[in-house]
């Protein structure tokens, strides 16, 4: 499991593919 800290929000993902999807969603704003 990987931990990502985006704008103070810690996101836990099971794999890097999920992480990529989350990052895309967050940066899409």
PDB file of N, CA and C in Angstrom:
ATOM      1  N   UNK A   1       0.843  -1.203   0.000  1.00  0.00           N
ATOM      2  CA  UNK A   1       0.000   0.000   0.000  1.00  0.00           C
ATOM      3  C   UNK A   1       0.875   1.249   0.000  1.00  0.00           C
ATOM      4  N   UNK A   2       0.469   2.215  -0.774  1.00  0.00           N
ATOM      5  CA  UNK A   2       1.243   3.448  -0.855  1.00  0.00           C
ATOM      6  C   UNK A   2       0.456   4.591  -0.245  1.00  0.00           C
ATOM      7  N   UNK A   3       1.169   5.547   0.315  1.00  0.00           N
ATOM      8  CA  UNK A   3       0.508   6.711   0.903  1.00  0.00           C
ATOM      9  C   UNK A   3       0.829   7.946   0.080  1.00  0.00           C
ATOM     10  N   UNK A   4      -0.187   8.708  -0.226  1.00  0.00           N
ATOM     11  CA  UNK A   4       0.014   9.940  -0.981  1.00  0.00           C
ATOM     12  C   UNK A   4      -0.531  11.104  -0.173  1.00  0.00           C
ATOM     13  N   UNK A   5       0.267  12.159  -0.057  1.00  0.00           N
ATOM     14  CA  UNK A   5      -0.183  13.336   0.678  1.00  0.00           C
ATOM     15  C   UNK A   5      -0.430  14.441  -0.333  1.00  0.00           C
ATOM     16  N   UNK A   6      -1.708  14.703  -0.623  1.00  0.00           N
ATOM     17  CA  UNK A   6      -2.060  15.721  -1.609  1.00  0.00           C
ATOM     18  C   UNK A   6      -2.801  16.857  -0.926  1.00  0.00           C
ATOM     19  N   UNK A   7      -2.190  18.031  -0.923  1.00  0.00           N
ATOM     20  CA  UNK A   7      -2.813  19.191  -0.278  1.00  0.00           C
ATOM     21  C   UNK A   7      -3.218  18.875   1.156  1.00  0.00           C
ATOM     22  N   UNK A   8      -2.373  18.150   1.868  1.00  0.00           N
ATOM     23  CA  UNK A   8      -2.642  17.849   3.268  1.00  0.00           C
ATOM     24  C   UNK A   8      -3.570  16.668   3.464  1.00  0.00           C
ATOM     25  N   UNK A   9      -4.045  16.095   2.365  1.00  0.00           N
ATOM     26  CA  UNK A   9      -4.946  14.951   2.476  1.00  0.00           C
ATOM     27  C   UNK A   9      -4.165  13.672   2.172  1.00  0.00           C
ATOM     28  N   UNK A  10      -4.165  12.758   3.117  1.00  0.00           N
ATOM     29  CA  UNK A  10      -3.440  11.505   2.918  1.00  0.00           C
ATOM     30  C   UNK A  10      -4.344  10.493   2.235  1.00  0.00           C
ATOM     31  N   UNK A  11      -3.877   9.998   1.105  1.00  0.00           N
ATOM     32  CA  UNK A  11      -4.672   9.035   0.340  1.00  0.00           C
ATOM     33  C   UNK A  11      -3.958   7.686   0.343  1.00  0.00           C
ATOM     34  N   UNK A  12      -4.686   6.646   0.683  1.00  0.00           N
ATOM     35  CA  UNK A  12      -4.095   5.308   0.688  1.00  0.00           C
ATOM     36  C   UNK A  12      -4.578   4.544  -0.536  1.00  0.00           C
ATOM     37  N   UNK A  13      -3.642   3.989  -1.271  1.00  0.00           N
ATOM     38  CA  UNK A  13      -4.018   3.232  -2.465  1.00  0.00           C
ATOM     39  C   UNK A  13      -3.356   1.868  -2.426  1.00  0.00           C
ATOM     40  N   UNK A  14      -3.984   0.925  -3.079  1.00  0.00           N
ATOM     41  CA  UNK A  14      -3.466  -0.440  -3.074  1.00  0.00           C
ATOM     42  C   UNK A  14      -2.388  -0.638  -4.131  1.00  0.00           C
ATOM     43  N   UNK A  15      -2.473   0.122  -5.214  1.00  0.00           N
ATOM     44  CA  UNK A  15      -1.464  -0.029  -6.253  1.00  0.00           C
ATOM     45  C   UNK A  15      -1.288   1.286  -6.988  1.00  0.00           C
ATOM     46  N   UNK A  16      -0.263   1.357  -7.824  1.00  0.00           N
ATOM     47  CA  UNK A  16       0.049   2.612  -8.493  1.00  0.00           C
ATOM     48  C   UNK A  16      -0.966   2.975  -9.564  1.00  0.00           C
ATOM     49  N   UNK A  17      -1.670   1.988 -10.099  1.00  0.00           N
ATOM     50  CA  UNK A  17      -2.693   2.290 -11.106  1.00  0.00           C
ATOM     51  C   UNK A  17      -3.815   3.098 -10.460  1.00  0.00           C
ATOM     52  N   UNK A  18      -4.205   2.706  -9.252  1.00  0.00           N
ATOM     53  CA  UNK A  18      -5.234   3.453  -8.527  1.00  0.00           C
ATOM     54  C   UNK A  18      -4.717   4.846  -8.211  1.00  0.00           C
ATOM     55  N   UNK A  19      -3.459   4.930  -7.855  1.00  0.00           N
ATOM     56  CA  UNK A  19      -2.863   6.225  -7.521  1.00  0.00           C
ATOM     57  C   UNK A  19      -2.934   7.154  -8.722  1.00  0.00           C
ATOM     58  N   UNK A  20      -2.618   6.646  -9.891  1.00  0.00           N
ATOM     59  CA  UNK A  20      -2.664   7.461 -11.103  1.00  0.00           C
ATOM     60  C   UNK A  20      -4.068   7.987 -11.337  1.00  0.00           C
ATOM     61  N   UNK A  21      -5.066   7.143 -11.132  1.00  0.00           N
ATOM     62  CA  UNK A  21      -6.457   7.566 -11.330  1.00  0.00           C
ATOM     63  C   UNK A  21      -6.819   8.671 -10.345  1.00  0.00           C
ATOM     64  N   UNK A  22      -6.401   8.509  -9.095  1.00  0.00           N
ATOM     65  CA  UNK A  22      -6.701   9.507  -8.060  1.00  0.00           C
ATOM     66  C   UNK A  22      -6.020  10.829  -8.391  1.00  0.00           C
ATOM     67  N   UNK A  23      -4.771  10.757  -8.791  1.00  0.00           N
ATOM     68  CA  UNK A  23      -4.027  11.974  -9.124  1.00  0.00           C
ATOM     69  C   UNK A  23      -4.691  12.697 -10.279  1.00  0.00           C
ATOM     70  N   UNK A  24      -5.128  11.949 -11.274  1.00  0.00           N
ATOM     71  CA  UNK A  24      -5.801  12.557 -12.428  1.00  0.00           C
ATOM     72  C   UNK A  24      -7.077  13.254 -11.977  1.00  0.00           C
ATOM     73  N   UNK A  25      -7.834  12.593 -11.107  1.00  0.00           N
ATOM     74  CA  UNK A  25      -9.086  13.183 -10.622  1.00  0.00           C
ATOM     75  C   UNK A  25      -8.819  14.457  -9.830  1.00  0.00           C
ATOM     76  N   UNK A  26      -7.761  14.441  -9.023  1.00  0.00           N
ATOM     77  CA  UNK A  26      -7.464  15.600  -8.179  1.00  0.00           C
ATOM     78  C   UNK A  26      -6.934  16.777  -8.988  1.00  0.00           C
ATOM     79  N   UNK A  27      -6.181  16.473 -10.036  1.00  0.00           N
ATOM     80  CA  UNK A  27      -5.563  17.550 -10.815  1.00  0.00           C
ATOM     81  C   UNK A  27      -6.478  18.035 -11.926  1.00  0.00           C
ATOM     82  N   UNK A  28      -7.618  17.395 -12.079  1.00  0.00           N
ATOM     83  CA  UNK A  28      -8.523  17.749 -13.161  1.00  0.00           C
ATOM     84  C   UNK A  28      -9.287  19.039 -12.877  1.00  0.00           C
ATOM     85  N   UNK A  29      -9.534  19.290 -11.574  1.00  0.00           N
ATOM     86  CA  UNK A  29     -10.310  20.479 -11.165  1.00  0.00           C
ATOM     87  C   UNK A  29     -10.215  21.551 -12.205  1.00  0.00           C
TER      88      UNK A  29
END
